[in-house]
Amino acid sequence: MIHGWSALGGLTMAEWEDELERWLKPFLDRLGHKTRQRMCPLYVAGLIGPGDRKSVQPMAERLATGNYDQLHHFIADGVWDASPLESELLNQADRLVGGKDAVLVIDDTAMPKKGERSVGVAAQYASSLGKTANCQTLVSLTLARGEVPVMVALRLFLPESWTGNVSRLMRARVPIEHRTARSKLEIALAEVDRAMAANVRFGCVLADAGYGLSAPFRQGLTERGLAWAVGIPRHLNVYPVDVKLIWPITKVRGKPRKHHVPDIFMLASAKWKTVSWRSGTKGRLKARFAALRVRTADGPPQRIWDKGQQHLPGDEAWLIGEQRASGEKKYYLANLPAATDLRTLAATIKARWICEQAHQQLKEELGLDHFEGRSWQGLHRHALMTMIAYAFLQHRRLAHAGRKKKNQRASASTNHARRTPRHRRSHSPAAIAAMPALQKTNP
């Protein structure tokens, strides 16, 4: 397992800093100003380098630059636009892991925080902590292919206790365009739009039940022409795919009905099968899955007989159930094609776990939650630098894997030339050793 600082093993400090600056050149070109071009590599190097704290002062001391004031000014107060660097991050992420087989994972991560002055801090439910805590919440987008994630967006969610308090917003220097209340779902869709505008390549959008329970969120993805697979709560209503809409018979006079109503409400049973979707640290990962084509209950609302107000059937989708070894059951919806097989459905919904690993490593290895400033601008710039640092480490990880694969092929070719093979043997890509930079965890 190699990650964070140890991912640079075998290189001297000067060697990996030179490599970092070469890799950062597209970002530095977009910064323009010479002082900023000097501070950016220093800040990213401080995040990657050794040390427990990744806030400005300890990083400046470890780098022995004597430039604490300049480093602090660069991240907290400098007048520069982060948008060009954010766009370049999307470009680099697409180059590293983009493609039709990539996924774009929407999630959020909480950063516990004391006090009430830091931007966005409030007592709020943190899904990553599983409880309500005083924290900041960042909506995240992760582009991933296989087991290689690259974080491409981190946007702060502002609770009502902030958006309803102008003096608080001004004190934290929240830009005017971000002072209006926005839900996490709205933030996520805006970031999806930004990724699409940058032509980032991915095949499917994934999200947990915190996002998947929202019909407007799912519909927003569909309207954008995107494939999606999302978690849902077990109480979400669906209809069988062959549900019929009929005109209700009523004896009561009044206005005529505007909509048909469904003739049945029961979800037919489906067969559960054991499915393995990938290898984990303790062998193949398996669970029991079932899948059924349904129609989501997110059409127009309609009062239906004694059922009360109900949403009519919407679009067709896959309803997927997962039964884990512990007996726990989880449910998902996906708008993947009707011909999709059960193993593909299972592998797709389970691919979401990679963003949790990325969150953990950005915090533990690169100090995402170590920023000690209180401003909107400082927090987002620090988050951007951690994502750039993470992308650089993934660049090294993929380069290392490429060299290893090339050496294996060269060795195999040499051995093949030395002897006459008795029979042909095909080598699948899965037989190649896994890339070493990131810890593999079981979802």
Protein backbone atom coordinates (compact mmCIF):
# COMPACT_ATOMS: atom_id res chain seq x y z
CA MET A 1 0.00 0.00 0.00
CA ILE A 2 1.48 3.33 -1.07
CA HIS A 3 -0.36 6.59 -0.71
CA GLY A 4 0.24 10.23 0.20
CA TRP A 5 3.88 11.07 0.98
CA SER A 6 4.92 7.42 0.66
CA ALA A 7 3.67 7.38 -2.95
CA LEU A 8 6.82 9.36 -3.75
CA GLY A 9 9.12 6.68 -2.38
CA GLY A 10 12.43 6.35 -4.18
CA LEU A 11 12.57 10.02 -5.16
CA THR A 12 14.52 12.71 -3.39
CA MET A 13 12.72 15.85 -2.30
CA ALA A 14 14.26 17.81 -5.17
CA GLU A 15 13.33 15.13 -7.73
CA TRP A 16 9.65 14.89 -6.88
CA GLU A 17 9.30 18.66 -6.49
CA ASP A 18 10.76 19.06 -10.00
CA GLU A 19 8.31 16.47 -11.32
CA LEU A 20 5.46 18.21 -9.51
CA GLU A 21 6.33 21.58 -11.03
CA ARG A 22 6.46 20.07 -14.52
CA TRP A 23 3.08 18.45 -14.01
CA LEU A 24 1.66 21.71 -12.63
CA LYS A 25 2.73 23.76 -15.66
CA PRO A 26 -0.78 23.91 -17.24
CA PHE A 27 -2.12 25.16 -13.88
CA LEU A 28 0.70 27.68 -13.44
CA ASP A 29 0.17 29.02 -16.96
CA ARG A 30 -3.42 29.78 -16.00
CA LEU A 31 -2.33 31.59 -12.81
CA GLY A 32 -0.23 34.06 -14.78
CA HIS A 33 1.34 36.15 -12.00
CA LYS A 34 4.93 35.14 -11.14
CA THR A 35 4.47 35.24 -7.37
CA ARG A 36 1.37 33.07 -7.60
CA GLN A 37 3.22 30.71 -9.93
CA ARG A 38 5.85 30.33 -7.23
CA MET A 39 3.43 29.92 -4.31
CA CYS A 40 1.16 27.30 -5.93
CA PRO A 41 3.84 24.55 -6.20
CA LEU A 42 5.00 25.36 -2.66
CA TYR A 43 1.49 24.98 -1.27
CA VAL A 44 0.81 21.72 -3.14
CA ALA A 45 4.23 20.36 -2.11
CA GLY A 46 3.42 21.22 1.50
CA LEU A 47 0.19 19.24 1.29
CA ILE A 48 1.90 16.19 -0.22
CA GLY A 49 5.03 16.29 1.95
CA PRO A 50 5.49 14.76 5.41
CA GLY A 51 4.00 16.29 8.55
CA ASP A 52 0.85 15.86 10.59
CA ARG A 53 -0.62 19.35 10.08
CA LYS A 54 -1.27 20.74 6.59
CA SER A 55 -2.31 24.27 7.55
CA VAL A 56 -0.28 27.23 6.28
CA GLN A 57 2.09 27.90 9.19
CA PRO A 58 3.42 24.35 9.77
CA MET A 59 3.74 23.81 6.00
CA ALA A 60 5.75 27.03 5.64
CA GLU A 61 8.03 25.96 8.49
CA ARG A 62 8.64 22.52 6.97
CA LEU A 63 9.32 23.97 3.54
CA ALA A 64 11.82 26.36 5.14
CA THR A 65 10.82 29.09 2.71
CA GLY A 66 10.48 31.97 5.13
CA ASN A 67 7.43 32.87 3.04
CA TYR A 68 4.60 32.29 5.51
CA ASP A 69 3.03 35.68 4.74
CA GLN A 70 3.16 35.13 0.99
CA LEU A 71 1.84 31.59 1.29
CA HIS A 72 -1.00 32.77 3.53
CA HIS A 73 -1.78 35.66 1.18
CA PHE A 74 -1.84 33.31 -1.81
CA ILE A 75 -4.45 31.00 -0.29
CA ALA A 76 -6.55 33.39 1.82
CA ASP A 77 -6.39 36.94 0.52
CA GLY A 78 -4.79 37.09 -2.94
CA VAL A 79 -6.85 38.58 -5.75
CA TRP A 80 -7.01 35.79 -8.30
CA ASP A 81 -9.73 33.73 -9.94
CA ALA A 82 -9.80 30.03 -9.11
CA SER A 83 -12.05 29.15 -12.07
CA PRO A 84 -9.21 28.61 -14.60
CA LEU A 85 -7.49 26.20 -12.21
CA GLU A 86 -10.77 24.38 -11.58
CA SER A 87 -11.22 24.01 -15.33
CA GLU A 88 -7.68 22.68 -15.72
CA LEU A 89 -8.33 20.16 -12.94
CA LEU A 90 -11.30 18.86 -14.93
CA ASN A 91 -9.08 18.59 -18.02
CA GLN A 92 -6.36 16.68 -16.15
CA ALA A 93 -8.89 14.39 -14.45
CA ASP A 94 -10.45 13.53 -17.81
CA ARG A 95 -7.01 12.83 -19.25
CA LEU A 96 -6.17 10.53 -16.33
CA VAL A 97 -9.39 8.54 -15.87
CA GLY A 98 -12.08 9.88 -18.20
CA GLY A 99 -13.89 7.59 -20.61
CA LYS A 100 -17.14 5.78 -21.32
CA ASP A 101 -16.35 3.30 -18.55
CA ALA A 102 -15.71 6.05 -15.98
CA VAL A 103 -18.27 7.07 -13.36
CA LEU A 104 -19.01 10.47 -11.83
CA VAL A 105 -19.80 10.04 -8.13
CA ILE A 106 -21.82 12.67 -6.26
CA ASP A 107 -21.52 12.73 -2.47
CA ASP A 108 -20.74 15.06 0.39
CA THR A 109 -18.21 15.03 3.19
CA ALA A 110 -18.26 16.65 6.61
CA MET A 111 -15.39 18.41 8.36
CA PRO A 112 -15.94 18.77 12.14
CA LYS A 113 -15.21 22.30 13.30
CA LYS A 114 -15.30 24.10 16.63
CA GLY A 115 -16.85 27.54 17.12
CA GLU A 116 -19.23 29.35 14.80
CA ARG A 117 -17.07 31.82 12.85
CA SER A 118 -15.67 29.53 10.13
CA VAL A 119 -17.72 29.81 6.94
CA GLY A 120 -20.62 27.35 6.73
CA VAL A 121 -20.05 25.78 10.14
CA ALA A 122 -23.26 24.73 11.87
CA ALA A 123 -24.87 21.87 13.75
CA GLN A 124 -26.00 19.68 10.84
CA TYR A 125 -26.36 16.03 9.95
CA ALA A 126 -23.11 14.63 8.59
CA SER A 127 -23.66 11.43 6.62
CA SER A 128 -19.96 10.55 6.81
CA LEU A 129 -20.15 10.76 10.62
CA GLY A 130 -23.60 9.21 10.88
CA LYS A 131 -24.82 11.88 13.30
CA THR A 132 -25.50 15.57 13.77
CA ALA A 133 -22.31 17.51 14.50
CA ASN A 134 -20.88 21.01 14.40
CA CYS A 135 -19.20 20.89 11.01
CA GLN A 136 -18.76 22.21 7.49
CA THR A 137 -20.25 20.16 4.65
CA LEU A 138 -18.71 20.01 1.18
CA VAL A 139 -20.58 18.59 -1.81
CA SER A 140 -18.13 16.53 -3.84
CA LEU A 141 -17.79 15.16 -7.36
CA THR A 142 -15.34 12.35 -8.04
CA LEU A 143 -14.40 11.08 -11.49
CA ALA A 144 -13.27 7.45 -11.27
CA ARG A 145 -12.36 4.57 -13.53
CA GLY A 146 -11.70 1.16 -12.02
CA GLU A 147 -10.12 1.80 -8.64
CA VAL A 148 -8.57 5.16 -9.55
CA PRO A 149 -10.56 8.19 -8.32
CA VAL A 150 -9.79 11.85 -9.02
CA MET A 151 -11.72 14.45 -7.02
CA VAL A 152 -12.90 17.23 -9.34
CA ALA A 153 -15.19 19.41 -7.22
CA LEU A 154 -15.67 20.43 -3.59
CA ARG A 155 -18.33 23.07 -2.93
CA LEU A 156 -19.42 24.31 0.48
CA PHE A 157 -23.07 23.89 1.46
CA LEU A 158 -24.42 26.85 3.45
CA PRO A 159 -27.17 25.99 5.98
CA GLU A 160 -30.11 28.32 6.58
CA SER A 161 -28.42 29.70 9.68
CA TRP A 162 -25.89 31.22 7.27
CA THR A 163 -27.96 32.18 4.23
CA GLY A 164 -30.44 33.95 6.53
CA ASN A 165 -27.75 36.06 8.23
CA VAL A 166 -26.27 38.74 5.96
CA SER A 167 -23.71 40.00 8.47
CA ARG A 168 -22.40 36.46 8.90
CA LEU A 169 -22.06 36.03 5.15
CA MET A 170 -20.25 39.35 4.79
CA ARG A 171 -17.87 38.58 7.65
CA ALA A 172 -16.87 35.28 5.97
CA ARG A 173 -16.58 37.09 2.63
CA VAL A 174 -19.06 34.84 0.88
CA PRO A 175 -19.44 36.08 -2.73
CA ILE A 176 -22.81 37.67 -3.47
CA GLU A 177 -23.66 35.00 -6.06
CA HIS A 178 -23.34 32.29 -3.38
CA ARG A 179 -25.39 33.95 -0.63
CA THR A 180 -28.72 32.59 -1.87
CA ALA A 181 -29.84 29.36 -0.23
CA ARG A 182 -29.06 26.31 -2.37
CA SER A 183 -29.67 22.68 -1.48
CA LYS A 184 -26.95 20.08 -1.80
CA LEU A 185 -28.90 18.65 -4.74
CA GLU A 186 -28.82 22.00 -6.56
CA ILE A 187 -25.10 22.40 -5.87
CA ALA A 188 -24.45 18.88 -7.19
CA LEU A 189 -26.38 19.46 -10.43
CA ALA A 190 -24.55 22.77 -10.99
CA GLU A 191 -21.22 20.95 -10.64
CA VAL A 192 -22.40 18.23 -13.04
CA ASP A 193 -23.18 21.00 -15.54
CA ARG A 194 -19.67 22.40 -15.09
CA ALA A 195 -18.12 18.98 -15.73
CA MET A 196 -20.26 18.46 -18.82
CA ALA A 197 -19.36 21.93 -20.14
CA ALA A 198 -15.69 20.93 -19.82
CA ASN A 199 -16.40 17.78 -21.90
CA VAL A 200 -15.41 15.43 -19.08
CA ARG A 201 -16.08 11.85 -20.23
CA PHE A 202 -18.05 9.46 -18.03
CA GLY A 203 -20.66 6.80 -18.55
CA CYS A 204 -22.82 6.98 -15.43
CA VAL A 205 -23.59 9.24 -12.47
CA LEU A 206 -23.72 7.60 -9.03
CA ALA A 207 -25.09 8.95 -5.74
CA ASP A 208 -26.28 7.67 -2.38
CA ALA A 209 -29.82 7.78 -1.01
CA GLY A 210 -29.36 11.30 0.33
CA TYR A 211 -29.48 12.44 -3.30
CA GLY A 212 -31.28 9.51 -4.94
CA LEU A 213 -34.48 9.93 -2.91
CA SER A 214 -35.13 13.23 -4.70
CA ALA A 215 -37.28 12.88 -7.84
CA PRO A 216 -36.23 16.36 -9.10
CA PHE A 217 -32.59 15.31 -8.75
CA ARG A 218 -33.10 12.10 -10.72
CA GLN A 219 -35.18 13.94 -13.29
CA GLY A 220 -32.47 16.60 -13.55
CA LEU A 221 -29.92 13.94 -14.47
CA THR A 222 -32.31 12.38 -16.99
CA GLU A 223 -33.03 15.77 -18.58
CA ARG A 224 -29.28 16.17 -19.09
CA GLY A 225 -29.25 12.89 -21.03
CA LEU A 226 -27.21 11.09 -18.34
CA ALA A 227 -27.28 7.49 -17.17
CA TRP A 228 -27.55 7.23 -13.39
CA ALA A 229 -27.69 4.73 -10.53
CA VAL A 230 -28.63 6.03 -7.09
CA GLY A 231 -29.46 4.75 -3.65
CA ILE A 232 -33.04 5.12 -2.42
CA PRO A 233 -34.78 4.67 0.93
CA ARG A 234 -36.82 1.52 1.29
CA HIS A 235 -40.09 3.46 1.55
CA LEU A 236 -39.83 5.04 -1.93
CA ASN A 237 -42.90 4.14 -3.99
CA VAL A 238 -42.60 2.43 -7.38
CA TYR A 239 -45.03 0.73 -9.77
CA PRO A 240 -44.64 -2.46 -11.81
CA VAL A 241 -43.43 -1.66 -15.29
CA ASP A 242 -46.66 -3.02 -16.81
CA VAL A 243 -48.95 -0.91 -14.64
CA LYS A 244 -51.99 0.31 -16.63
CA LEU A 245 -53.52 3.75 -16.34
CA ILE A 246 -57.33 3.75 -16.29
CA TRP A 247 -60.02 6.37 -16.00
CA PRO A 248 -61.40 6.22 -12.46
CA ILE A 249 -65.11 5.46 -12.02
CA THR A 250 -66.68 7.95 -9.68
CA LYS A 251 -70.23 8.58 -8.53
CA VAL A 252 -69.44 12.05 -7.28
CA ARG A 253 -70.23 14.98 -9.53
CA GLY A 254 -67.56 17.64 -10.03
CA LYS A 255 -64.69 18.58 -12.24
CA PRO A 256 -63.49 15.79 -14.57
CA ARG A 257 -60.23 14.04 -13.79
CA LYS A 258 -57.12 15.44 -15.47
CA HIS A 259 -55.05 12.23 -15.19
CA HIS A 260 -55.50 8.49 -15.44
CA VAL A 261 -54.78 6.44 -12.32
CA PRO A 262 -52.82 3.18 -12.01
CA ASP A 263 -54.76 -0.05 -11.77
CA ILE A 264 -52.34 -1.80 -9.38
CA PHE A 265 -49.84 -0.77 -6.73
CA MET A 266 -48.04 -3.96 -5.74
CA LEU A 267 -44.42 -4.58 -6.73
CA ALA A 268 -44.00 -8.08 -8.09
CA SER A 269 -41.42 -10.32 -6.42
CA ALA A 270 -38.05 -10.92 -8.05
CA LYS A 271 -35.48 -13.70 -7.76
CA TRP A 272 -32.42 -13.00 -5.60
CA LYS A 273 -29.03 -14.23 -6.81
CA THR A 274 -25.53 -14.17 -5.36
CA VAL A 275 -23.37 -11.81 -7.40
CA SER A 276 -19.63 -11.06 -7.15
CA TRP A 277 -18.61 -7.69 -8.55
CA ARG A 278 -14.87 -7.32 -7.77
CA SER A 279 -11.97 -8.46 -5.58
CA GLY A 280 -11.48 -6.92 -2.14
CA THR A 281 -8.82 -7.24 0.52
CA LYS A 282 -10.41 -10.48 1.76
CA GLY A 283 -11.23 -12.08 -1.57
CA ARG A 284 -14.16 -11.65 -3.94
CA LEU A 285 -16.87 -9.27 -2.77
CA LYS A 286 -20.29 -10.91 -2.90
CA ALA A 287 -23.87 -10.16 -1.96
CA ARG A 288 -27.34 -11.22 -3.00
CA PHE A 289 -29.04 -8.99 -5.55
CA ALA A 290 -32.41 -8.78 -7.23
CA ALA A 291 -33.49 -6.44 -9.99
CA LEU A 292 -36.83 -5.62 -11.55
CA ARG A 293 -37.98 -3.14 -14.16
CA VAL A 294 -40.39 -0.66 -12.58
CA ARG A 295 -41.85 2.76 -13.11
CA THR A 296 -40.89 5.37 -10.55
CA ALA A 297 -43.66 7.09 -8.61
CA ASP A 298 -42.58 10.60 -9.53
CA GLY A 299 -45.24 11.60 -12.06
CA PRO A 300 -47.89 14.28 -11.43
CA PRO A 301 -49.65 14.05 -8.03
CA GLN A 302 -53.18 12.60 -8.07
CA ARG A 303 -55.69 11.56 -5.42
CA ILE A 304 -56.31 7.84 -5.99
CA TRP A 305 -59.35 6.25 -4.33
CA ASP A 306 -58.69 5.63 -0.64
CA LYS A 307 -54.90 5.87 -1.14
CA GLY A 308 -54.91 9.63 -0.78
CA GLN A 309 -52.60 11.86 -2.76
CA GLN A 310 -50.18 9.75 -4.82
CA HIS A 311 -47.61 10.43 -7.54
CA LEU A 312 -48.47 8.77 -10.83
CA PRO A 313 -46.05 6.40 -12.59
CA GLY A 314 -43.05 8.08 -14.18
CA ASP A 315 -40.24 6.75 -16.35
CA GLU A 316 -39.07 3.15 -16.48
CA ALA A 317 -36.03 2.26 -14.36
CA TRP A 318 -34.33 -0.65 -12.65
CA LEU A 319 -35.24 -1.27 -9.02
CA ILE A 320 -32.27 -3.10 -7.48
CA GLY A 321 -32.15 -4.75 -4.09
CA GLU A 322 -28.98 -5.76 -2.26
CA GLN A 323 -28.92 -8.16 0.69
CA ARG A 324 -25.59 -8.13 2.50
CA ALA A 325 -24.07 -10.94 4.55
CA SER A 326 -25.20 -9.15 7.72
CA GLY A 327 -28.81 -9.38 6.55
CA GLU A 328 -29.03 -5.64 5.88
CA LYS A 329 -30.92 -4.68 2.73
CA LYS A 330 -30.25 -1.66 0.50
CA TYR A 331 -32.22 -0.43 -2.47
CA TYR A 332 -31.27 1.45 -5.63
CA LEU A 333 -32.78 2.93 -8.78
CA ALA A 334 -30.99 3.07 -12.13
CA ASN A 335 -32.08 4.26 -15.55
CA LEU A 336 -29.66 1.90 -17.30
CA PRO A 337 -30.93 0.07 -20.41
CA ALA A 338 -33.51 -2.67 -19.97
CA ALA A 339 -31.07 -5.26 -21.37
CA THR A 340 -28.49 -4.62 -18.60
CA ASP A 341 -27.55 -7.84 -16.77
CA LEU A 342 -27.63 -8.23 -12.99
CA ARG A 343 -23.84 -8.34 -12.53
CA THR A 344 -23.42 -5.05 -14.43
CA LEU A 345 -26.14 -3.44 -12.33
CA ALA A 346 -24.44 -4.65 -9.13
CA ALA A 347 -20.96 -3.54 -10.22
CA THR A 348 -22.29 -0.12 -11.21
CA ILE A 349 -24.05 0.68 -7.95
CA LYS A 350 -21.12 -0.65 -5.88
CA ALA A 351 -18.63 1.58 -7.76
CA ARG A 352 -19.73 4.48 -5.55
CA TRP A 353 -17.50 3.32 -2.68
CA ILE A 354 -14.43 4.84 -4.36
CA CYS A 355 -15.45 8.40 -3.40
CA GLU A 356 -15.38 7.49 0.30
CA GLN A 357 -11.79 6.36 -0.08
CA ALA A 358 -10.95 9.63 -1.84
CA HIS A 359 -12.55 11.68 0.96
CA GLN A 360 -10.58 9.76 3.57
CA GLN A 361 -7.27 10.23 1.81
CA LEU A 362 -7.80 13.93 1.09
CA LYS A 363 -8.31 14.40 4.82
CA GLU A 364 -5.77 11.99 6.29
CA GLU A 365 -2.98 12.40 3.73
CA LEU A 366 -3.45 15.88 2.24
CA GLY A 367 -5.06 17.87 5.04
CA LEU A 368 -8.38 18.78 3.45
CA ASP A 369 -9.84 19.45 6.91
CA HIS A 370 -6.74 21.22 8.28
CA PHE A 371 -7.49 24.71 6.94
CA GLU A 372 -7.59 27.17 9.83
CA GLY A 373 -8.98 30.21 8.03
CA ARG A 374 -12.60 31.30 8.19
CA SER A 375 -13.32 32.75 4.75
CA TRP A 376 -15.21 31.26 1.81
CA GLN A 377 -12.38 32.04 -0.57
CA GLY A 378 -9.64 30.57 1.62
CA LEU A 379 -11.53 27.33 2.25
CA HIS A 380 -12.31 26.75 -1.43
CA ARG A 381 -8.77 27.55 -2.53
CA HIS A 382 -7.35 25.17 0.07
CA ALA A 383 -9.79 22.47 -1.10
CA LEU A 384 -8.77 23.12 -4.71
CA MET A 385 -5.08 22.72 -3.85
CA THR A 386 -5.77 19.39 -2.08
CA MET A 387 -7.61 18.13 -5.19
CA ILE A 388 -4.73 19.20 -7.43
CA ALA A 389 -2.27 17.43 -5.11
CA TYR A 390 -4.45 14.30 -5.19
CA ALA A 391 -4.60 14.38 -9.00
CA PHE A 392 -0.79 14.60 -9.12
CA LEU A 393 -0.49 11.50 -6.92
CA GLN A 394 -2.91 9.65 -9.18
CA HIS A 395 -0.83 10.74 -12.18
CA ARG A 396 2.22 9.13 -10.52
CA ARG A 397 0.22 6.05 -9.63
CA LEU A 398 -0.90 5.52 -13.23
CA ALA A 399 2.57 6.25 -14.59
CA HIS A 400 4.04 3.68 -12.18
CA ALA A 401 1.45 1.10 -13.23
CA GLY A 402 2.19 1.81 -16.90
CA ARG A 403 5.92 1.31 -16.40
CA LYS A 404 5.29 -1.89 -14.46
CA LYS A 405 3.03 -3.25 -17.20
CA LYS A 406 5.61 -2.32 -19.84
CA ASN A 407 8.36 -4.11 -17.89
CA GLN A 408 6.18 -7.18 -17.49
CA ARG A 409 5.52 -7.28 -21.21
CA ALA A 410 9.21 -6.79 -22.00
CA SER A 411 10.13 -9.58 -19.60
CA ALA A 412 7.48 -11.88 -21.05
CA SER A 413 8.66 -11.10 -24.58
CA THR A 414 12.27 -11.90 -23.63
CA ASN A 415 11.27 -15.19 -22.02
CA HIS A 416 9.11 -16.03 -25.04
CA ALA A 417 12.08 -15.47 -27.38
CA ARG A 418 14.28 -17.76 -25.30
CA ARG A 419 12.01 -20.77 -25.56
CA THR A 420 9.43 -22.26 -27.88
CA PRO A 421 6.03 -22.21 -26.21
CA ARG A 422 4.21 -25.50 -25.85
CA HIS A 423 0.83 -23.82 -26.16
CA ARG A 424 -0.68 -20.37 -26.40
CA ARG A 425 -1.96 -18.65 -23.31
CA SER A 426 -4.04 -15.50 -23.28
CA HIS A 427 -3.34 -12.92 -20.59
CA SER A 428 -6.25 -10.79 -19.47
CA PRO A 429 -5.66 -7.26 -18.14
CA ALA A 430 -7.08 -8.44 -14.81
CA ALA A 431 -4.00 -10.58 -14.30
CA ILE A 432 -1.75 -7.54 -14.14
CA ALA A 433 -0.81 -6.48 -10.62
CA ALA A 434 -3.02 -3.78 -9.11
CA MET A 435 -1.74 -0.21 -9.06
CA PRO A 436 -0.08 0.40 -5.72
CA ALA A 437 -0.87 3.95 -4.73
CA LEU A 438 -4.18 3.66 -2.91
CA GLN A 439 -5.48 1.52 -0.12
CA LYS A 440 -8.19 -0.88 -1.22
CA THR A 441 -11.15 -0.99 1.12
CA ASN A 442 -14.32 -3.07 1.21
CA PRO A 443 -17.51 -1.04 0.74
